[in-house]
Full PDB file with SEQRES, HELIX, SHEET, SSBOND, CRYST1, ORIGX, SCALE, CONECT and MASTER records, all heavy atoms in Angstrom:
SEQRES   1 A   37  ARG GLY ARG TYR ARG LEU ARG ALA VAL LYS VAL SER SER          
SEQRES   2 A   37  ARG TYR PRO PHE GLY PHE PHE SER LYS ASP ARG ASN CYS          
SEQRES   3 A   37  GLU ALA GLU ALA GLU CYS VAL CYS TYR PRO GLU                  
SHEET    1 AA1 2 GLY A   2  SER A  13  0                                        
SHEET    2 AA1 2 LYS A  22  CYS A  34 -1                                        
CRYST1    1.000    1.000    1.000  90.00  90.00  90.00 P 1           1          
ORIGX1      1.000000  0.000000  0.000000        0.00000                         
ORIGX2      0.000000  1.000000  0.000000        0.00000                         
ORIGX3      0.000000  0.000000  1.000000        0.00000                         
SCALE1      1.000000  0.000000  0.000000        0.00000                         
SCALE2      0.000000  1.000000  0.000000        0.00000                         
SCALE3      0.000000  0.000000  1.000000        0.00000                         
ATOM      1  N   ARG A   1      74.267 117.442 103.878  1.00  0.00           N  
ATOM      2  CA  ARG A   1      73.409 117.335 105.055  1.00  0.00           C  
ATOM      3  C   ARG A   1      72.168 116.500 104.745  1.00  0.00           C  
ATOM      4  O   ARG A   1      71.775 116.328 103.588  1.00  0.00           O  
ATOM      5  CB  ARG A   1      72.993 118.734 105.518  1.00  0.00           C  
ATOM      6  CG  ARG A   1      72.136 119.476 104.499  1.00  0.00           C  
ATOM      7  CD  ARG A   1      71.867 120.911 104.904  1.00  0.00           C  
ATOM      8  NE  ARG A   1      71.079 121.596 103.878  1.00  0.00           N  
ATOM      9  CZ  ARG A   1      69.757 121.646 103.870  1.00  0.00           C  
ATOM     10  NH1 ARG A   1      69.076 121.056 104.840  1.00  0.00           N  
ATOM     11  NH2 ARG A   1      69.106 122.283 102.930  1.00  0.00           N  
ATOM     12  N   GLY A   2      71.522 116.002 105.810  1.00  0.00           N  
ATOM     13  CA  GLY A   2      70.289 115.242 105.641  1.00  0.00           C  
ATOM     14  C   GLY A   2      70.260 114.033 106.565  1.00  0.00           C  
ATOM     15  O   GLY A   2      71.194 113.788 107.332  1.00  0.00           O  
ATOM     16  N   ARG A   3      69.182 113.289 106.486  1.00  0.00           N  
ATOM     17  CA  ARG A   3      69.042 112.040 107.230  1.00  0.00           C  
ATOM     18  C   ARG A   3      69.332 110.886 106.277  1.00  0.00           C  
ATOM     19  O   ARG A   3      68.719 110.782 105.209  1.00  0.00           O  
ATOM     20  CB  ARG A   3      67.637 111.907 107.803  1.00  0.00           C  
ATOM     21  CG  ARG A   3      67.472 110.711 108.746  1.00  0.00           C  
ATOM     22  CD  ARG A   3      66.008 110.477 109.107  1.00  0.00           C  
ATOM     23  NE  ARG A   3      65.413 111.643 109.709  1.00  0.00           N  
ATOM     24  CZ  ARG A   3      65.487 111.940 111.009  1.00  0.00           C  
ATOM     25  NH1 ARG A   3      66.132 111.126 111.819  1.00  0.00           N  
ATOM     26  NH2 ARG A   3      64.914 113.034 111.488  1.00  0.00           N  
ATOM     27  N   TYR A   4      70.255 110.024 106.661  1.00  0.00           N  
ATOM     28  CA  TYR A   4      70.677 108.933 105.802  1.00  0.00           C  
ATOM     29  C   TYR A   4      70.477 107.603 106.519  1.00  0.00           C  
ATOM     30  O   TYR A   4      70.666 107.516 107.735  1.00  0.00           O  
ATOM     31  CB  TYR A   4      72.154 109.083 105.409  1.00  0.00           C  
ATOM     32  CG  TYR A   4      72.433 110.285 104.539  1.00  0.00           C  
ATOM     33  CD1 TYR A   4      72.806 111.503 105.107  1.00  0.00           C  
ATOM     34  CD2 TYR A   4      72.319 110.205 103.158  1.00  0.00           C  
ATOM     35  CE1 TYR A   4      73.053 112.609 104.310  1.00  0.00           C  
ATOM     36  CE2 TYR A   4      72.570 111.294 102.353  1.00  0.00           C  
ATOM     37  CZ  TYR A   4      72.938 112.501 102.932  1.00  0.00           C  
ATOM     38  OH  TYR A   4      73.190 113.596 102.148  1.00  0.00           O  
ATOM     39  N   ARG A   5      70.132 106.613 105.733  1.00  0.00           N  
ATOM     40  CA  ARG A   5      69.958 105.262 106.264  1.00  0.00           C  
ATOM     41  C   ARG A   5      70.838 104.308 105.472  1.00  0.00           C  
ATOM     42  O   ARG A   5      70.746 104.223 104.241  1.00  0.00           O  
ATOM     43  CB  ARG A   5      68.505 104.837 106.172  1.00  0.00           C  
ATOM     44  CG  ARG A   5      68.236 103.413 106.654  1.00  0.00           C  
ATOM     45  CD  ARG A   5      66.768 103.139 106.785  1.00  0.00           C  
ATOM     46  NE  ARG A   5      66.183 103.925 107.864  1.00  0.00           N  
ATOM     47  CZ  ARG A   5      64.890 103.931 108.163  1.00  0.00           C  
ATOM     48  NH1 ARG A   5      64.056 103.203 107.449  1.00  0.00           N  
ATOM     49  NH2 ARG A   5      64.446 104.671 109.144  1.00  0.00           N  
ATOM     50  N   LEU A   6      71.703 103.620 106.185  1.00  0.00           N  
ATOM     51  CA  LEU A   6      72.531 102.580 105.578  1.00  0.00           C  
ATOM     52  C   LEU A   6      71.723 101.291 105.552  1.00  0.00           C  
ATOM     53  O   LEU A   6      71.367 100.752 106.607  1.00  0.00           O  
ATOM     54  CB  LEU A   6      73.820 102.401 106.383  1.00  0.00           C  
ATOM     55  CG  LEU A   6      74.784 101.316 105.894  1.00  0.00           C  
ATOM     56  CD1 LEU A   6      75.296 101.644 104.498  1.00  0.00           C  
ATOM     57  CD2 LEU A   6      75.938 101.149 106.866  1.00  0.00           C  
ATOM     58  N   ARG A   7      71.423 100.808 104.365  1.00  0.00           N  
ATOM     59  CA  ARG A   7      70.568  99.631 104.224  1.00  0.00           C  
ATOM     60  C   ARG A   7      71.349  98.365 103.910  1.00  0.00           C  
ATOM     61  O   ARG A   7      70.889  97.263 104.245  1.00  0.00           O  
ATOM     62  CB  ARG A   7      69.524  99.878 103.120  1.00  0.00           C  
ATOM     63  CG  ARG A   7      68.624 101.065 103.401  1.00  0.00           C  
ATOM     64  CD  ARG A   7      67.556 101.205 102.333  1.00  0.00           C  
ATOM     65  NE  ARG A   7      66.703 102.365 102.565  1.00  0.00           N  
ATOM     66  CZ  ARG A   7      65.654 102.367 103.369  1.00  0.00           C  
ATOM     67  NH1 ARG A   7      65.318 101.267 104.010  1.00  0.00           N  
ATOM     68  NH2 ARG A   7      64.938 103.470 103.537  1.00  0.00           N  
ATOM     69  N   ALA A   8      72.493  98.495 103.239  1.00  0.00           N  
ATOM     70  CA  ALA A   8      73.234  97.299 102.844  1.00  0.00           C  
ATOM     71  C   ALA A   8      74.697  97.654 102.586  1.00  0.00           C  
ATOM     72  O   ALA A   8      75.032  98.809 102.314  1.00  0.00           O  
ATOM     73  CB  ALA A   8      72.618  96.666 101.595  1.00  0.00           C  
ATOM     74  N   VAL A   9      75.539  96.652 102.690  1.00  0.00           N  
ATOM     75  CA  VAL A   9      76.938  96.767 102.277  1.00  0.00           C  
ATOM     76  C   VAL A   9      77.196  95.715 101.200  1.00  0.00           C  
ATOM     77  O   VAL A   9      76.548  94.655 101.164  1.00  0.00           O  
ATOM     78  CB  VAL A   9      77.901  96.564 103.469  1.00  0.00           C  
ATOM     79  CG1 VAL A   9      77.749  97.676 104.481  1.00  0.00           C  
ATOM     80  CG2 VAL A   9      77.682  95.214 104.134  1.00  0.00           C  
ATOM     81  N   LYS A  10      78.112  96.021 100.318  1.00  0.00           N  
ATOM     82  CA  LYS A  10      78.415  95.102  99.221  1.00  0.00           C  
ATOM     83  C   LYS A  10      79.529  94.151  99.660  1.00  0.00           C  
ATOM     84  O   LYS A  10      80.610  94.591 100.075  1.00  0.00           O  
ATOM     85  CB  LYS A  10      78.835  95.860  97.973  1.00  0.00           C  
ATOM     86  CG  LYS A  10      79.044  94.951  96.763  1.00  0.00           C  
ATOM     87  CD  LYS A  10      79.286  95.747  95.499  1.00  0.00           C  
ATOM     88  CE  LYS A  10      80.681  96.320  95.485  1.00  0.00           C  
ATOM     89  NZ  LYS A  10      81.004  96.930  94.180  1.00  0.00           N  
ATOM     90  N   VAL A  11      79.239  92.857  99.572  1.00  0.00           N  
ATOM     91  CA  VAL A  11      80.214  91.818  99.887  1.00  0.00           C  
ATOM     92  C   VAL A  11      80.649  91.182  98.571  1.00  0.00           C  
ATOM     93  O   VAL A  11      79.813  90.699  97.800  1.00  0.00           O  
ATOM     94  CB  VAL A  11      79.606  90.744 100.822  1.00  0.00           C  
ATOM     95  CG1 VAL A  11      80.656  89.704 101.177  1.00  0.00           C  
ATOM     96  CG2 VAL A  11      79.052  91.389 102.078  1.00  0.00           C  
ATOM     97  N   SER A  12      81.934  91.186  98.296  1.00  0.00           N  
ATOM     98  CA  SER A  12      82.454  90.623  97.044  1.00  0.00           C  
ATOM     99  C   SER A  12      83.592  89.656  97.353  1.00  0.00           C  
ATOM    100  O   SER A  12      84.246  89.741  98.400  1.00  0.00           O  
ATOM    101  CB  SER A  12      82.950  91.728  96.104  1.00  0.00           C  
ATOM    102  OG  SER A  12      83.962  92.502  96.728  1.00  0.00           O  
ATOM    103  N   SER A  13      83.801  88.720  96.415  1.00  0.00           N  
ATOM    104  CA  SER A  13      84.838  87.707  96.621  1.00  0.00           C  
ATOM    105  C   SER A  13      85.252  87.118  95.275  1.00  0.00           C  
ATOM    106  O   SER A  13      84.442  87.054  94.341  1.00  0.00           O  
ATOM    107  CB  SER A  13      84.330  86.594  97.545  1.00  0.00           C  
ATOM    108  OG  SER A  13      85.307  85.587  97.685  1.00  0.00           O  
ATOM    109  N   ARG A  14      86.520  86.689  95.207  1.00  0.00           N  
ATOM    110  CA  ARG A  14      87.026  85.960  94.043  1.00  0.00           C  
ATOM    111  C   ARG A  14      87.316  84.497  94.386  1.00  0.00           C  
ATOM    112  O   ARG A  14      87.977  83.800  93.630  1.00  0.00           O  
ATOM    113  CB  ARG A  14      88.297  86.635  93.523  1.00  0.00           C  
ATOM    114  CG  ARG A  14      88.066  88.049  93.018  1.00  0.00           C  
ATOM    115  CD  ARG A  14      89.364  88.690  92.562  1.00  0.00           C  
ATOM    116  NE  ARG A  14      89.958  87.940  91.466  1.00  0.00           N  
ATOM    117  CZ  ARG A  14      91.192  88.167  90.990  1.00  0.00           C  
ATOM    118  NH1 ARG A  14      91.921  89.103  91.539  1.00  0.00           N  
ATOM    119  NH2 ARG A  14      91.655  87.446  90.002  1.00  0.00           N  
ATOM    120  N   TYR A  15      86.815  84.090  95.520  1.00  0.00           N  
ATOM    121  CA  TYR A  15      86.996  82.697  95.945  1.00  0.00           C  
ATOM    122  C   TYR A  15      86.185  81.776  95.022  1.00  0.00           C  
ATOM    123  O   TYR A  15      85.091  82.153  94.590  1.00  0.00           O  
ATOM    124  CB  TYR A  15      86.523  82.558  97.402  1.00  0.00           C  
ATOM    125  CG  TYR A  15      86.568  81.174  97.956  1.00  0.00           C  
ATOM    126  CD1 TYR A  15      87.741  80.648  98.460  1.00  0.00           C  
ATOM    127  CD2 TYR A  15      85.412  80.382  97.962  1.00  0.00           C  
ATOM    128  CE1 TYR A  15      87.773  79.359  98.982  1.00  0.00           C  
ATOM    129  CE2 TYR A  15      85.443  79.102  98.480  1.00  0.00           C  
ATOM    130  CZ  TYR A  15      86.628  78.598  98.981  1.00  0.00           C  
ATOM    131  OH  TYR A  15      86.659  77.333  99.494  1.00  0.00           O  
ATOM    132  N   PRO A  16      86.669  80.566  94.652  1.00  0.00           N  
ATOM    133  CA  PRO A  16      87.888  79.934  95.167  1.00  0.00           C  
ATOM    134  C   PRO A  16      89.130  80.065  94.283  1.00  0.00           C  
ATOM    135  O   PRO A  16      90.254  79.975  94.759  1.00  0.00           O  
ATOM    136  CB  PRO A  16      87.477  78.468  95.241  1.00  0.00           C  
ATOM    137  CG  PRO A  16      86.521  78.311  94.098  1.00  0.00           C  
ATOM    138  CD  PRO A  16      85.794  79.615  93.971  1.00  0.00           C  
ATOM    139  N   PHE A  17      88.938  80.265  92.956  1.00  0.00           N  
ATOM    140  CA  PHE A  17      90.082  80.188  92.048  1.00  0.00           C  
ATOM    141  C   PHE A  17      90.467  81.549  91.471  1.00  0.00           C  
ATOM    142  O   PHE A  17      91.450  81.620  90.722  1.00  0.00           O  
ATOM    143  CB  PHE A  17      89.776  79.208  90.894  1.00  0.00           C  
ATOM    144  CG  PHE A  17      89.388  77.833  91.357  1.00  0.00           C  
ATOM    145  CD1 PHE A  17      88.198  77.260  90.941  1.00  0.00           C  
ATOM    146  CD2 PHE A  17      90.204  77.121  92.218  1.00  0.00           C  
ATOM    147  CE1 PHE A  17      87.835  75.998  91.369  1.00  0.00           C  
ATOM    148  CE2 PHE A  17      89.840  75.856  92.654  1.00  0.00           C  
ATOM    149  CZ  PHE A  17      88.655  75.297  92.235  1.00  0.00           C  
ATOM    150  N   GLY A  18      89.718  82.575  91.770  1.00  0.00           N  
ATOM    151  CA  GLY A  18      90.054  83.891  91.249  1.00  0.00           C  
ATOM    152  C   GLY A  18      89.644  84.127  89.810  1.00  0.00           C  
ATOM    153  O   GLY A  18      90.054  85.113  89.197  1.00  0.00           O  
ATOM    154  N   PHE A  19      88.817  83.211  89.237  1.00  0.00           N  
ATOM    155  CA  PHE A  19      88.392  83.385  87.854  1.00  0.00           C  
ATOM    156  C   PHE A  19      87.287  84.428  87.730  1.00  0.00           C  
ATOM    157  O   PHE A  19      87.172  85.111  86.715  1.00  0.00           O  
ATOM    158  CB  PHE A  19      87.898  82.053  87.275  1.00  0.00           C  
ATOM    159  CG  PHE A  19      88.981  81.018  87.166  1.00  0.00           C  
ATOM    160  CD1 PHE A  19      88.667  79.668  87.213  1.00  0.00           C  
ATOM    161  CD2 PHE A  19      90.308  81.381  87.016  1.00  0.00           C  
ATOM    162  CE1 PHE A  19      89.649  78.695  87.102  1.00  0.00           C  
ATOM    163  CE2 PHE A  19      91.308  80.428  86.909  1.00  0.00           C  
ATOM    164  CZ  PHE A  19      90.973  79.086  86.966  1.00  0.00           C  
ATOM    165  N   PHE A  20      86.438  84.529  88.745  1.00  0.00           N  
ATOM    166  CA  PHE A  20      85.293  85.437  88.708  1.00  0.00           C  
ATOM    167  C   PHE A  20      85.304  86.312  89.957  1.00  0.00           C  
ATOM    168  O   PHE A  20      85.765  85.889  91.024  1.00  0.00           O  
ATOM    169  CB  PHE A  20      83.961  84.662  88.655  1.00  0.00           C  
ATOM    170  CG  PHE A  20      83.897  83.632  87.574  1.00  0.00           C  
ATOM    171  CD1 PHE A  20      84.128  82.291  87.856  1.00  0.00           C  
ATOM    172  CD2 PHE A  20      83.604  84.007  86.282  1.00  0.00           C  
ATOM    173  CE1 PHE A  20      84.067  81.339  86.862  1.00  0.00           C  
ATOM    174  CE2 PHE A  20      83.538  83.057  85.281  1.00  0.00           C  
ATOM    175  CZ  PHE A  20      83.772  81.718  85.563  1.00  0.00           C  
ATOM    176  N   SER A  21      84.776  87.488  89.814  1.00  0.00           N  
ATOM    177  CA  SER A  21      84.538  88.363  90.974  1.00  0.00           C  
ATOM    178  C   SER A  21      83.031  88.468  91.156  1.00  0.00           C  
ATOM    179  O   SER A  21      82.336  89.062  90.323  1.00  0.00           O  
ATOM    180  CB  SER A  21      85.148  89.750  90.750  1.00  0.00           C  
ATOM    181  OG  SER A  21      84.875  90.587  91.847  1.00  0.00           O  
ATOM    182  N   LYS A  22      82.532  87.885  92.237  1.00  0.00           N  
ATOM    183  CA  LYS A  22      81.098  87.891  92.500  1.00  0.00           C  
ATOM    184  C   LYS A  22      80.816  88.790  93.695  1.00  0.00           C  
ATOM    185  O   LYS A  22      81.635  88.906  94.609  1.00  0.00           O  
ATOM    186  CB  LYS A  22      80.599  86.476  92.793  1.00  0.00           C  
ATOM    187  CG  LYS A  22      80.705  85.531  91.602  1.00  0.00           C  
ATOM    188  CD  LYS A  22      80.084  84.186  91.933  1.00  0.00           C  
ATOM    189  CE  LYS A  22      80.141  83.247  90.722  1.00  0.00           C  
ATOM    190  NZ  LYS A  22      79.510  81.939  91.009  1.00  0.00           N  
ATOM    191  N   ASP A  23      79.650  89.390  93.676  1.00  0.00           N  
ATOM    192  CA  ASP A  23      79.284  90.248  94.803  1.00  0.00           C  
ATOM    193  C   ASP A  23      77.787  90.140  95.050  1.00  0.00           C  
ATOM    194  O   ASP A  23      77.011  89.747  94.179  1.00  0.00           O  
ATOM    195  CB  ASP A  23      79.671  91.707  94.539  1.00  0.00           C  
ATOM    196  CG  ASP A  23      79.016  92.300  93.312  1.00  0.00           C  
ATOM    197  OD1 ASP A  23      77.812  92.602  93.385  1.00  0.00           O  
ATOM    198  OD2 ASP A  23      79.693  92.464  92.280  1.00  0.00           O  
ATOM    199  N   ARG A  24      77.403  90.495  96.268  1.00  0.00           N  
ATOM    200  CA  ARG A  24      75.996  90.546  96.659  1.00  0.00           C  
ATOM    201  C   ARG A  24      75.866  91.604  97.743  1.00  0.00           C  
ATOM    202  O   ARG A  24      76.839  91.954  98.414  1.00  0.00           O  
ATOM    203  CB  ARG A  24      75.523  89.202  97.188  1.00  0.00           C  
ATOM    204  CG  ARG A  24      76.329  88.679  98.349  1.00  0.00           C  
ATOM    205  CD  ARG A  24      75.666  87.528  99.061  1.00  0.00           C  
ATOM    206  NE  ARG A  24      74.508  87.963  99.817  1.00  0.00           N  
ATOM    207  CZ  ARG A  24      73.849  87.199 100.679  1.00  0.00           C  
ATOM    208  NH1 ARG A  24      74.235  85.954 100.863  1.00  0.00           N  
ATOM    209  NH2 ARG A  24      72.819  87.655 101.339  1.00  0.00           N  
ATOM    210  N   ASN A  25      74.653  92.145  97.876  1.00  0.00           N  
ATOM    211  CA  ASN A  25      74.378  93.130  98.924  1.00  0.00           C  
ATOM    212  C   ASN A  25      73.879  92.416 100.170  1.00  0.00           C  
ATOM    213  O   ASN A  25      72.942  91.624 100.118  1.00  0.00           O  
ATOM    214  CB  ASN A  25      73.340  94.151  98.457  1.00  0.00           C  
ATOM    215  CG  ASN A  25      73.904  95.131  97.445  1.00  0.00           C  
ATOM    216  OD1 ASN A  25      75.118  95.343  97.386  1.00  0.00           O  
ATOM    217  ND2 ASN A  25      73.049  95.726  96.639  1.00  0.00           N  
ATOM    218  N   CYS A  26      74.522  92.730 101.276  1.00  0.00           N  
ATOM    219  CA  CYS A  26      74.163  92.132 102.558  1.00  0.00           C  
ATOM    220  C   CYS A  26      73.501  93.206 103.416  1.00  0.00           C  
ATOM    221  O   CYS A  26      74.055  94.298 103.597  1.00  0.00           O  
ATOM    222  CB  CYS A  26      75.420  91.601 103.241  1.00  0.00           C  
ATOM    223  SG  CYS A  26      75.100  90.523 104.640  1.00  0.00           S  
ATOM    224  N   GLU A  27      72.306  92.932 103.903  1.00  0.00           N  
ATOM    225  CA  GLU A  27      71.561  93.924 104.670  1.00  0.00           C  
ATOM    226  C   GLU A  27      72.320  94.333 105.927  1.00  0.00           C  
ATOM    227  O   GLU A  27      72.881  93.504 106.642  1.00  0.00           O  
ATOM    228  CB  GLU A  27      70.192  93.371 105.066  1.00  0.00           C  
ATOM    229  CG  GLU A  27      69.256  93.154 103.886  1.00  0.00           C  
ATOM    230  CD  GLU A  27      67.877  92.703 104.333  1.00  0.00           C  
ATOM    231  OE1 GLU A  27      67.673  92.597 105.566  1.00  0.00           O  
ATOM    232  OE2 GLU A  27      67.011  92.471 103.468  1.00  0.00           O  
ATOM    233  N   ALA A  28      72.302  95.649 106.175  1.00  0.00           N  
ATOM    234  CA  ALA A  28      72.937  96.208 107.380  1.00  0.00           C  
ATOM    235  C   ALA A  28      72.237  97.519 107.695  1.00  0.00           C  
ATOM    236  O   ALA A  28      72.502  98.542 107.063  1.00  0.00           O  
ATOM    237  CB  ALA A  28      74.429  96.427 107.160  1.00  0.00           C  
ATOM    238  N   GLU A  29      71.327  97.506 108.635  1.00  0.00           N  
ATOM    239  CA  GLU A  29      70.514  98.676 108.945  1.00  0.00           C  
ATOM    240  C   GLU A  29      71.227  99.599 109.947  1.00  0.00           C  
ATOM    241  O   GLU A  29      71.666  99.164 111.008  1.00  0.00           O  
ATOM    242  CB  GLU A  29      69.161  98.245 109.528  1.00  0.00           C  
ATOM    243  CG  GLU A  29      68.225  97.616 108.507  1.00  0.00           C  
ATOM    244  CD  GLU A  29      67.701  98.625 107.505  1.00  0.00           C  
ATOM    245  OE1 GLU A  29      67.653  99.823 107.846  1.00  0.00           O  
ATOM    246  OE2 GLU A  29      67.341  98.213 106.384  1.00  0.00           O  
ATOM    247  N   ALA A  30      71.342 100.876 109.565  1.00  0.00           N  
ATOM    248  CA  ALA A  30      71.883 101.903 110.456  1.00  0.00           C  
ATOM    249  C   ALA A  30      71.407 103.249 109.940  1.00  0.00           C  
ATOM    250  O   ALA A  30      71.118 103.415 108.742  1.00  0.00           O  
ATOM    251  CB  ALA A  30      73.403 101.844 110.513  1.00  0.00           C  
ATOM    252  N   GLU A  31      71.320 104.233 110.839  1.00  0.00           N  
ATOM    253  CA  GLU A  31      70.803 105.553 110.478  1.00  0.00           C  
ATOM    254  C   GLU A  31      71.676 106.637 111.077  1.00  0.00           C  
ATOM    255  O   GLU A  31      72.227 106.486 112.179  1.00  0.00           O  
ATOM    256  CB  GLU A  31      69.362 105.712 110.969  1.00  0.00           C  
ATOM    257  CG  GLU A  31      68.668 106.959 110.443  1.00  0.00           C  
ATOM    258  CD  GLU A  31      67.209 107.029 110.826  1.00  0.00           C  
ATOM    259  OE1 GLU A  31      66.393 106.334 110.182  1.00  0.00           O  
ATOM    260  OE2 GLU A  31      66.889 107.769 111.780  1.00  0.00           O  
ATOM    261  N   CYS A  32      71.814 107.725 110.334  1.00  0.00           N  
ATOM    262  CA  CYS A  32      72.676 108.829 110.774  1.00  0.00           C  
ATOM    263  C   CYS A  32      72.101 110.141 110.255  1.00  0.00           C  
ATOM    264  O   CYS A  32      71.625 110.216 109.116  1.00  0.00           O  
ATOM    265  CB  CYS A  32      74.101 108.629 110.256  1.00  0.00           C  
ATOM    266  SG  CYS A  32      75.255 109.945 110.688  1.00  0.00           S  
ATOM    267  N   VAL A  33      72.130 111.180 111.100  1.00  0.00           N  
ATOM    268  CA  VAL A  33      71.756 112.533 110.689  1.00  0.00           C  
ATOM    269  C   VAL A  33      73.038 113.298 110.409  1.00  0.00           C  
ATOM    270  O   VAL A  33      73.896 113.431 111.291  1.00  0.00           O  
ATOM    271  CB  VAL A  33      70.926 113.243 111.772  1.00  0.00           C  
ATOM    272  CG1 VAL A  33      70.655 114.686 111.364  1.00  0.00           C  
ATOM    273  CG2 VAL A  33      69.615 112.502 112.002  1.00  0.00           C  
ATOM    274  N   CYS A  34      73.168 113.769 109.194  1.00  0.00           N  
ATOM    275  CA  CYS A  34      74.374 114.490 108.781  1.00  0.00           C  
ATOM    276  C   CYS A  34      74.136 115.994 108.938  1.00  0.00           C  
ATOM    277  O   CYS A  34      73.303 116.573 108.230  1.00  0.00           O  
ATOM    278  CB  CYS A  34      74.732 114.148 107.338  1.00  0.00           C  
ATOM    279  SG  CYS A  34      76.250 114.933 106.769  1.00  0.00           S  
ATOM    280  N   TYR A  35      74.851 116.618 109.873  1.00  0.00           N  
ATOM    281  CA  TYR A  35      74.729 118.049 110.104  1.00  0.00           C  
ATOM    282  C   TYR A  35      75.379 118.825 108.953  1.00  0.00           C  
ATOM    283  O   TYR A  35      76.228 118.290 108.229  1.00  0.00           O  
ATOM    284  CB  TYR A  35      75.409 118.440 111.412  1.00  0.00           C  
ATOM    285  CG  TYR A  35      74.731 117.924 112.659  1.00  0.00           C  
ATOM    286  CD1 TYR A  35      75.401 117.855 113.874  1.00  0.00           C  
ATOM    287  CD2 TYR A  35      73.408 117.481 112.629  1.00  0.00           C  
ATOM    288  CE1 TYR A  35      74.781 117.381 115.019  1.00  0.00           C  
ATOM    289  CE2 TYR A  35      72.782 117.010 113.771  1.00  0.00           C  
ATOM    290  CZ  TYR A  35      73.477 116.959 114.960  1.00  0.00           C  
ATOM    291  OH  TYR A  35      72.857 116.497 116.091  1.00  0.00           O  
ATOM    292  N   PRO A  36      75.009 120.091 108.770  1.00  0.00           N  
ATOM    293  CA  PRO A  36      75.662 120.891 107.719  1.00  0.00           C  
ATOM    294  C   PRO A  36      77.162 121.016 107.964  1.00  0.00           C  
ATOM    295  O   PRO A  36      77.649 120.871 109.095  1.00  0.00           O  
ATOM    296  CB  PRO A  36      74.961 122.254 107.826  1.00  0.00           C  
ATOM    297  CG  PRO A  36      73.677 121.976 108.521  1.00  0.00           C  
ATOM    298  CD  PRO A  36      73.930 120.831 109.447  1.00  0.00           C  
ATOM    299  N   GLU A  37      77.871 121.320 106.911  1.00  0.00           N  
ATOM    300  CA  GLU A  37      79.321 121.500 107.018  1.00  0.00           C  
ATOM    301  C   GLU A  37      79.639 122.704 107.907  1.00  0.00           C  
ATOM    302  O   GLU A  37      79.041 123.768 107.764  1.00  0.00           O  
ATOM    303  CB  GLU A  37      79.916 121.709 105.630  1.00  0.00           C  
ATOM    304  CG  GLU A  37      81.410 121.949 105.627  1.00  0.00           C  
ATOM    305  CD  GLU A  37      81.939 122.287 104.250  1.00  0.00           C  
ATOM    306  OE1 GLU A  37      81.112 122.437 103.324  1.00  0.00           O  
ATOM    307  OE2 GLU A  37      83.167 122.402 104.097  1.00  0.00           O  
TER     308      GLU A  37                                                      
MASTER        0    0    0    0    2    0    0    6  307    1    0    3          
END                                                                             
């Protein structure tokens, strides 16, 4: 339970040749109140 804020999602890719896996965090603002179970 609690108040949660989604600030970012992880974007990853192996483009173009698949030699490396790179990732970065992309901002994505959202908020949710999680009620008790």
